[in-house]
Amino acid sequence: MNILINQEQYEVPRHVQERLALDLLAQGTAQYKKFDQAWRVVLKPVARFILQKIESEVEKRQGKEVARQIRPPDRNSDPVLHLANVLAAISMEMMKHVDLRIELEHGTNIVEAFNISFASAGETGRQVGLNRD
């Protein structure tokens, strides 16, 4: 991951990227565990569906053996928590290809533009926020 502030580039080391993904995973897991049991029951089939879709896509691209790694290690484990772990691993891999571009208003610390681009997607990035006061 690179962060560009007014076209000055800063590289985010791999261990910092991993810490970011793991921190987000820990925060999401903690929030999920606070959910009422009824909500957790509703989310489990959705997570199973998403895991099946990911497994199917991985199988097409990399074969059955690699795809089986997407499955929860224990049939009785919570699929939502397993999906969170899978998505954290995917996000760690994706961060290698991310550039965050921040443009500040000249002479200030006010963000004028914030863009995220993914090198592997072949896009130049999409603007996700613009501050024009």
Foldseek 3Di string as FASTA:
>chain_A
DWEAEQNNIDDDDLVNLLVVLVVVLVVVVVVLVPDDVVVLVVCQVVLVVVLVVVLVVCCVVPNNVVSCVSDDPDPPDRSVSSSSVVVSVVSSVQVVFKYWYWYADPPDPHTAWIWIDGNVVPDPTDTDDGDDD
